[in-house]
């Protein structure tokens, strides 16, 4: 097998009324997997039947096929309502698929497609009730999830459910707790109370050891394959100034003055974008994460009704200046800091280190480098920023 999986189950979490924000991408994602594994998945079954208005029948979400799951390797697509997960009562099709994906004769991967709130829950509008990620494991257990066969020396599952991918936004964080770098594991470790952390812990308590639970700390998008959304790919926001001209000399950038906003320089040829902030903002690296500390002169504004754990709805203000914080950036109001998405580094190849703390200052500005194509999403598979928890 190319990636070690013989069975792939794509599970789409729909609202209690059948609404699903990614309805137009169900077939697209399945087509992507079929092409990627054309010599591996011998059979493909899509149980989801989409109505004309892009809704799915909540009473019978898997009415698109009357076939049984493939007897051998295969790709299967199905749906479950949020009510089904909350009640931990799998419908008939999903009960079969739970036993199918955990069959120890095959190595399986389950992907959960939904929204994530950065607080350990998944959901699908317009439902107001969110699903604690632990309920995913309870739901699997109620459907007859088998314990896998694993090699403790290799630390991996050899048969049964081997990987559970949380294709949700901010699945590895909880409120202000971002994944931290572990020198021991040589990887970023998800917050214990995050969706990923909760699923991994619940699987371990159930006796399913060494299952890889994967996901992202930031916002994710999908066009066939789930990817991390680029922090600079969301257009212009208040207080953000985008410079579309490549820096002629990356070692000597000359930011405009005055800067009462955050500015982005880009260099597509070199594959980086640079975030420039006024020098009064202190920039540091903590546990391999870039952090901006806000001076006391700047107010942090956000209402409970609008702000999210990933930065959306937060605004920092000073006099006539106002900067809207992008989603995916964590705002810690108590410690007055903004935690940037994984992948930023102070200075980098395009900067100069000018003091002992590692702060980079050019023309009275601090700068941080983001590696990757400007505005282009980064595939989660195989990157350093895919968060992995082991049950």
Protein backbone atom coordinates (compact mmCIF):
# COMPACT_ATOMS: atom_id res chain seq x y z
CA UNK A 1 0.00 0.00 0.00
CA UNK A 2 1.27 3.47 -0.90
CA UNK A 3 0.44 5.04 2.47
CA UNK A 4 -0.27 1.90 4.50
CA UNK A 5 -4.10 2.00 4.26
CA UNK A 6 -6.21 -0.64 2.57
CA UNK A 7 -9.52 0.84 3.62
CA UNK A 8 -10.50 4.51 3.71
CA UNK A 9 -13.74 5.79 5.24
CA UNK A 10 -14.74 9.40 4.60
CA UNK A 11 -17.38 10.35 7.18
CA UNK A 12 -19.23 13.65 6.69
CA UNK A 13 -20.95 15.17 9.72
CA UNK A 14 -24.18 16.92 8.70
CA UNK A 15 -26.57 19.03 10.76
CA UNK A 16 -29.66 17.57 12.41
CA UNK A 17 -31.68 19.09 9.55
CA UNK A 18 -29.44 17.76 6.76
CA UNK A 19 -27.48 20.93 6.03
CA UNK A 20 -23.83 20.38 5.08
CA UNK A 21 -21.44 23.19 4.19
CA UNK A 22 -19.18 20.88 2.16
CA UNK A 23 -21.88 19.10 0.16
CA UNK A 24 -20.41 20.16 -3.18
CA UNK A 25 -17.03 18.71 -2.17
CA UNK A 26 -18.09 15.19 -1.16
CA UNK A 27 -17.64 13.76 -4.65
CA UNK A 28 -14.57 15.92 -5.26
CA UNK A 29 -12.80 14.52 -2.20
CA UNK A 30 -13.76 10.97 -3.15
CA UNK A 31 -12.49 11.47 -6.72
CA UNK A 32 -9.20 12.75 -5.35
CA UNK A 33 -8.77 9.66 -3.17
CA UNK A 34 -9.69 7.34 -6.06
CA UNK A 35 -7.10 8.91 -8.35
CA UNK A 36 -4.49 8.94 -5.61
CA UNK A 37 -5.06 5.25 -4.85
CA UNK A 38 -6.30 3.98 -8.20
CA UNK A 39 -4.35 0.73 -7.87
CA UNK A 40 -5.15 0.22 -4.19
CA UNK A 41 -8.85 0.77 -3.55
CA UNK A 42 -10.55 -1.85 -5.68
CA UNK A 43 -14.08 -0.69 -4.87
CA UNK A 44 -15.70 2.70 -4.20
CA UNK A 45 -19.12 3.17 -2.58
CA UNK A 46 -20.78 6.52 -1.87
CA UNK A 47 -23.79 6.11 0.42
CA UNK A 48 -24.67 9.83 0.43
CA UNK A 49 -27.47 11.09 -1.78
CA UNK A 50 -27.54 14.89 -2.11
CA UNK A 51 -30.81 16.69 -2.80
CA UNK A 52 -31.21 19.50 -5.32
CA UNK A 53 -30.80 22.17 -2.66
CA UNK A 54 -27.49 20.67 -1.53
CA UNK A 55 -29.11 19.15 1.55
CA UNK A 56 -28.94 15.56 2.70
CA UNK A 57 -31.90 13.61 4.06
CA UNK A 58 -31.28 13.77 7.81
CA UNK A 59 -33.70 10.89 8.42
CA UNK A 60 -31.86 8.65 5.96
CA UNK A 61 -28.47 10.27 5.26
CA UNK A 62 -27.01 7.15 3.63
CA UNK A 63 -29.76 6.40 1.13
CA UNK A 64 -27.55 6.59 -1.98
CA UNK A 65 -26.58 2.91 -2.10
CA UNK A 66 -27.94 -0.44 -0.94
CA UNK A 67 -24.58 -2.18 -1.25
CA UNK A 68 -22.66 -3.71 1.60
CA UNK A 69 -19.16 -2.33 2.29
CA UNK A 70 -16.40 -3.80 0.08
CA UNK A 71 -15.24 -7.26 1.06
CA UNK A 72 -11.63 -6.24 0.48
CA UNK A 73 -9.76 -2.94 0.12
CA UNK A 74 -11.94 0.03 -0.75
CA UNK A 75 -13.05 3.62 -0.33
CA UNK A 76 -16.41 4.34 1.31
CA UNK A 77 -18.23 7.63 1.84
CA UNK A 78 -21.08 8.07 4.33
CA UNK A 79 -22.77 10.67 6.52
CA UNK A 80 -23.86 10.99 10.14
CA UNK A 81 -25.93 13.71 11.76
CA UNK A 82 -24.72 15.63 14.80
CA UNK A 83 -27.70 14.14 16.68
CA UNK A 84 -26.40 10.66 15.83
CA UNK A 85 -23.01 11.46 17.38
CA UNK A 86 -24.48 13.17 20.44
CA UNK A 87 -26.79 10.20 21.12
CA UNK A 88 -23.95 7.75 20.27
CA UNK A 89 -26.39 5.65 18.22
CA UNK A 90 -24.92 4.80 14.80
CA UNK A 91 -27.42 4.20 12.02
CA UNK A 92 -27.43 0.83 10.27
CA UNK A 93 -24.99 1.81 7.49
CA UNK A 94 -22.51 3.46 9.82
CA UNK A 95 -22.65 0.53 12.22
CA UNK A 96 -21.52 -1.73 9.37
CA UNK A 97 -18.80 0.74 8.42
CA UNK A 98 -17.46 0.99 11.97
CA UNK A 99 -16.93 -2.76 11.96
CA UNK A 100 -15.59 -2.59 8.38
CA UNK A 101 -12.93 0.04 9.10
CA UNK A 102 -11.77 -1.75 12.26
CA UNK A 103 -11.54 -5.22 10.70
CA UNK A 104 -8.11 -6.46 11.80
CA UNK A 105 -7.55 -8.17 8.46
CA UNK A 106 -7.06 -4.72 6.90
CA UNK A 107 -5.38 -1.44 7.84
CA UNK A 108 -7.93 1.39 7.87
CA UNK A 109 -8.17 5.17 7.97
CA UNK A 110 -11.22 7.16 9.07
CA UNK A 111 -11.55 10.86 8.24
CA UNK A 112 -14.05 13.07 10.09
CA UNK A 113 -15.20 16.03 7.98
CA UNK A 114 -16.87 18.86 9.93
CA UNK A 115 -16.31 22.31 11.41
CA UNK A 116 -14.11 22.68 14.50
CA UNK A 117 -14.43 25.43 17.10
CA UNK A 118 -10.96 25.33 18.66
CA UNK A 119 -12.52 24.28 21.95
CA UNK A 120 -12.52 20.51 21.54
CA UNK A 121 -15.84 20.31 19.69
CA UNK A 122 -17.06 19.72 16.15
CA UNK A 123 -20.29 21.03 14.66
CA UNK A 124 -22.30 21.81 11.54
CA UNK A 125 -24.50 24.92 11.23
CA UNK A 126 -27.25 25.76 11.79
CA UNK A 127 -27.16 23.42 14.81
CA UNK A 128 -26.44 25.25 18.04
CA UNK A 129 -25.49 22.09 19.94
CA UNK A 130 -21.87 21.11 19.35
CA UNK A 131 -20.44 17.62 19.57
CA UNK A 132 -17.71 17.00 22.13
CA UNK A 133 -15.01 15.18 20.16
CA UNK A 134 -15.01 12.42 22.79
CA UNK A 135 -18.44 11.46 21.51
CA UNK A 136 -16.87 10.35 18.23
CA UNK A 137 -15.12 7.55 20.11
CA UNK A 138 -18.22 6.71 22.14
CA UNK A 139 -20.17 6.53 18.88
CA UNK A 140 -17.54 4.22 17.37
CA UNK A 141 -17.62 2.00 20.44
CA UNK A 142 -21.42 1.80 20.32
CA UNK A 143 -21.16 0.64 16.70
CA UNK A 144 -18.85 -2.25 17.51
CA UNK A 145 -15.36 -0.81 16.99
CA UNK A 146 -12.82 -3.63 17.22
CA UNK A 147 -9.49 -3.30 18.95
CA UNK A 148 -6.67 -3.23 16.44
CA UNK A 149 -3.59 -5.38 16.17
CA UNK A 150 -0.46 -3.38 16.85
CA UNK A 151 3.30 -3.68 17.06
CA UNK A 152 4.38 -1.96 20.31
CA UNK A 153 8.02 -1.86 19.21
CA UNK A 154 7.12 -0.05 15.99
CA UNK A 155 4.41 1.93 17.80
CA UNK A 156 1.86 1.43 15.04
CA UNK A 157 -1.33 -0.41 14.23
CA UNK A 158 -0.84 -3.31 11.82
CA UNK A 159 -4.52 -4.24 11.41
CA UNK A 160 -7.76 -2.43 12.17
CA UNK A 161 -8.30 1.31 12.60
CA UNK A 162 -4.81 2.81 12.27
CA UNK A 163 -5.50 6.51 11.68
CA UNK A 164 -8.32 8.88 12.53
CA UNK A 165 -7.98 12.20 10.72
CA UNK A 166 -9.80 15.19 12.20
CA UNK A 167 -10.45 17.30 9.08
CA UNK A 168 -11.71 20.23 11.13
CA UNK A 169 -10.49 23.77 11.80
CA UNK A 170 -8.33 24.32 14.89
CA UNK A 171 -8.59 20.68 15.92
CA UNK A 172 -5.29 20.68 17.82
CA UNK A 173 -5.88 23.75 20.01
CA UNK A 174 -8.12 24.56 22.96
CA UNK A 175 -8.98 28.18 23.64
CA UNK A 176 -5.56 29.84 24.18
CA UNK A 177 -3.68 26.53 24.40
CA UNK A 178 -1.82 25.95 21.15
CA UNK A 179 0.21 22.83 20.36
CA UNK A 180 3.67 23.02 21.92
CA UNK A 181 6.91 21.67 20.55
CA UNK A 182 8.23 18.55 22.27
CA UNK A 183 11.96 17.89 21.97
CA UNK A 184 11.34 14.38 23.27
CA UNK A 185 8.85 13.57 20.50
CA UNK A 186 10.45 15.87 17.94
CA UNK A 187 6.99 17.11 17.00
CA UNK A 188 4.24 19.52 18.00
CA UNK A 189 1.94 18.06 20.66
CA UNK A 190 -1.79 18.84 20.62
CA UNK A 191 -3.48 20.42 23.61
CA UNK A 192 -4.97 17.72 25.86
CA UNK A 193 -8.43 19.30 25.68
CA UNK A 194 -8.36 19.85 21.91
CA UNK A 195 -10.49 17.72 19.59
CA UNK A 196 -7.42 15.70 18.63
CA UNK A 197 -6.31 15.29 22.23
CA UNK A 198 -9.75 14.18 23.38
CA UNK A 199 -10.12 11.60 20.60
CA UNK A 200 -6.65 10.15 21.17
CA UNK A 201 -7.17 9.87 24.93
CA UNK A 202 -10.64 8.31 24.51
CA UNK A 203 -9.35 5.72 22.03
CA UNK A 204 -6.55 4.80 24.43
CA UNK A 205 -8.99 4.39 27.32
CA UNK A 206 -11.12 2.18 25.08
CA UNK A 207 -8.11 -0.08 24.53
CA UNK A 208 -7.35 0.97 20.95
CA UNK A 209 -3.63 1.66 21.29
CA UNK A 210 -1.26 3.35 18.82
CA UNK A 211 -4.01 4.88 16.67
CA UNK A 212 -2.69 8.03 14.96
CA UNK A 213 -5.08 10.96 15.44
CA UNK A 214 -4.14 13.76 13.07
CA UNK A 215 -5.22 17.30 12.27
CA UNK A 216 -4.24 20.95 12.25
CA UNK A 217 -3.86 23.81 14.69
CA UNK A 218 -5.17 26.35 12.19
CA UNK A 219 -8.01 26.84 9.76
CA UNK A 220 -8.31 24.20 7.06
CA UNK A 221 -9.74 24.21 3.56
CA UNK A 222 -10.50 21.46 1.10
CA UNK A 223 -10.36 21.13 -2.65
CA UNK A 224 -10.17 17.37 -2.86
CA UNK A 225 -7.56 17.20 -0.10
CA UNK A 226 -7.63 19.01 3.24
CA UNK A 227 -4.93 21.68 3.62
CA UNK A 228 -3.88 24.36 6.09
CA UNK A 229 -5.30 27.69 5.03
CA UNK A 230 -2.55 30.18 4.26
CA UNK A 231 -2.59 33.04 6.82
CA UNK A 232 -2.13 35.57 4.01
CA UNK A 233 -4.60 34.07 1.59
CA UNK A 234 -7.78 35.71 2.86
CA UNK A 235 -7.64 39.15 1.24
CA UNK A 236 -7.48 42.60 2.79
CA UNK A 237 -8.67 43.24 6.32
CA UNK A 238 -8.75 46.45 8.35
CA UNK A 239 -5.30 47.36 9.58
CA UNK A 240 -3.51 44.97 7.23
CA UNK A 241 -1.55 46.39 4.33
CA UNK A 242 -0.53 44.01 1.56
CA UNK A 243 2.45 44.89 -0.62
CA UNK A 244 2.19 42.97 -3.89
CA UNK A 245 5.63 44.11 -5.09
CA UNK A 246 8.47 41.69 -4.53
CA UNK A 247 11.21 43.02 -2.28
CA UNK A 248 14.16 43.91 -4.49
CA UNK A 249 16.64 43.21 -1.70
CA UNK A 250 15.26 40.82 0.97
CA UNK A 251 18.28 41.51 3.19
CA UNK A 252 17.49 45.22 3.31
CA UNK A 253 13.73 45.77 3.18
CA UNK A 254 12.55 49.31 3.74
CA UNK A 255 9.08 49.28 5.31
CA UNK A 256 7.08 52.44 4.81
CA UNK A 257 6.64 54.87 7.66
CA UNK A 258 4.52 55.34 9.61
CA UNK A 259 3.15 51.85 10.17
CA UNK A 260 0.07 51.76 12.38
CA UNK A 261 -0.84 48.45 10.82
CA UNK A 262 0.62 45.06 10.11
CA UNK A 263 2.20 44.88 6.69
CA UNK A 264 2.87 41.90 4.45
CA UNK A 265 5.75 41.79 1.97
CA UNK A 266 6.02 38.83 -0.36
CA UNK A 267 8.58 37.17 -2.55
CA UNK A 268 6.96 34.47 -4.68
CA UNK A 269 10.22 33.49 -6.34
CA UNK A 270 11.91 32.79 -3.01
CA UNK A 271 8.74 31.29 -1.56
CA UNK A 272 8.18 33.47 1.49
CA UNK A 273 5.95 36.19 2.85
CA UNK A 274 7.06 38.59 5.58
CA UNK A 275 4.81 40.00 8.27
CA UNK A 276 6.05 43.46 9.37
CA UNK A 277 4.83 45.04 12.62
CA UNK A 278 5.76 48.29 14.41
CA UNK A 279 8.84 47.99 16.62
CA UNK A 280 6.81 48.69 19.76
CA UNK A 281 5.38 45.19 19.37
CA UNK A 282 7.78 42.70 20.95
CA UNK A 283 8.36 39.60 18.80
CA UNK A 284 9.66 36.37 20.32
CA UNK A 285 9.81 32.64 19.71
CA UNK A 286 8.33 30.32 22.34
CA UNK A 287 8.39 26.55 21.84
CA UNK A 288 8.99 27.08 18.11
CA UNK A 289 5.99 29.35 17.83
CA UNK A 290 6.15 33.02 16.88
CA UNK A 291 4.47 35.29 19.42
CA UNK A 292 3.69 39.02 19.21
CA UNK A 293 3.41 40.78 22.58
CA UNK A 294 1.19 43.86 22.60
CA UNK A 295 2.34 47.07 24.31
CA UNK A 296 0.11 48.62 26.98
CA UNK A 297 -0.76 51.51 24.67
CA UNK A 298 -2.80 49.11 22.54
CA UNK A 299 -6.24 47.97 23.67
CA UNK A 300 -7.53 44.46 22.99
CA UNK A 301 -11.14 44.52 21.93
CA UNK A 302 -13.45 41.59 21.32
CA UNK A 303 -16.99 40.71 22.32
CA UNK A 304 -18.09 37.24 23.32
CA UNK A 305 -20.62 37.32 20.51
CA UNK A 306 -18.08 37.83 17.73
CA UNK A 307 -14.66 36.70 18.79
CA UNK A 308 -13.43 33.18 18.30
CA UNK A 309 -10.55 31.25 19.81
CA UNK A 310 -8.74 31.49 16.48
CA UNK A 311 -8.52 35.30 16.38
CA UNK A 312 -11.66 36.08 14.39
CA UNK A 313 -13.53 39.04 15.88
CA UNK A 314 -10.57 40.40 17.87
CA UNK A 315 -9.31 43.93 17.22
CA UNK A 316 -6.29 45.72 18.72
CA UNK A 317 -6.53 49.52 18.84
CA UNK A 318 -4.40 52.57 19.53
CA UNK A 319 -5.65 56.13 18.99
CA UNK A 320 -6.93 56.12 15.41
CA UNK A 321 -5.28 52.82 14.47
CA UNK A 322 -7.19 49.53 14.50
CA UNK A 323 -5.92 46.10 13.46
CA UNK A 324 -8.36 43.23 12.90
CA UNK A 325 -6.75 39.94 13.88
CA UNK A 326 -7.08 37.18 11.32
CA UNK A 327 -8.72 33.87 12.14
CA UNK A 328 -6.10 31.24 12.86
CA UNK A 329 -4.09 33.64 15.03
CA UNK A 330 -4.68 32.92 18.74
CA UNK A 331 -5.34 35.99 20.92
CA UNK A 332 -4.41 35.65 24.59
CA UNK A 333 -6.07 38.61 26.27
CA UNK A 334 -4.66 37.87 29.74
CA UNK A 335 -1.01 37.69 28.65
CA UNK A 336 -1.53 40.32 25.94
CA UNK A 337 -0.07 38.25 23.15
CA UNK A 338 -0.94 36.93 19.69
CA UNK A 339 0.24 33.41 18.86
CA UNK A 340 0.87 33.08 15.14
CA UNK A 341 0.11 29.97 13.05
CA UNK A 342 2.84 27.35 12.98
CA UNK A 343 5.46 28.03 10.33
CA UNK A 344 6.43 31.61 11.16
CA UNK A 345 10.03 32.34 12.16
CA UNK A 346 11.63 35.57 13.32
CA UNK A 347 13.72 37.11 10.57
CA UNK A 348 14.55 33.98 8.69
CA UNK A 349 16.58 34.12 5.49
CA UNK A 350 15.17 37.52 4.68
CA UNK A 351 16.01 39.24 7.94
CA UNK A 352 18.76 40.41 10.24
CA UNK A 353 19.11 39.38 13.85
CA UNK A 354 20.12 42.53 15.73
CA UNK A 355 19.92 41.74 19.44
CA UNK A 356 20.60 38.94 21.89
CA UNK A 357 16.95 37.99 22.24
CA UNK A 358 16.64 37.20 18.56
CA UNK A 359 14.33 40.10 17.70
CA UNK A 360 14.75 41.31 14.15
CA UNK A 361 14.50 45.06 13.63
CA UNK A 362 14.76 46.89 10.33
CA UNK A 363 13.87 50.59 10.09
CA UNK A 364 12.14 50.41 13.48
CA UNK A 365 10.04 47.36 12.60
CA UNK A 366 9.91 43.74 13.67
CA UNK A 367 9.42 41.06 11.04
CA UNK A 368 8.48 37.42 10.79
CA UNK A 369 8.89 35.10 7.83
CA UNK A 370 6.31 32.61 6.58
CA UNK A 371 7.68 29.95 4.25
CA UNK A 372 5.38 28.81 1.46
CA UNK A 373 3.63 30.22 -1.57
CA UNK A 374 1.79 33.44 -0.83
CA UNK A 375 -1.94 32.86 -0.51
CA UNK A 376 -1.70 29.18 -1.35
CA UNK A 377 -2.92 26.50 1.04
CA UNK A 378 -0.40 23.98 2.31
CA UNK A 379 -1.30 20.29 2.18
CA UNK A 380 -1.34 18.77 5.64
CA UNK A 381 0.08 15.43 4.55
CA UNK A 382 3.80 15.20 5.15
CA UNK A 383 4.28 18.68 6.64
CA UNK A 384 5.89 19.56 9.96
CA UNK A 385 2.68 21.30 10.98
CA UNK A 386 0.35 18.33 10.88
CA UNK A 387 -0.36 17.54 14.52
CA UNK A 388 -0.27 13.85 15.44
CA UNK A 389 -1.44 12.35 18.74
CA UNK A 390 -1.06 8.64 19.51
CA UNK A 391 -3.76 6.90 21.50
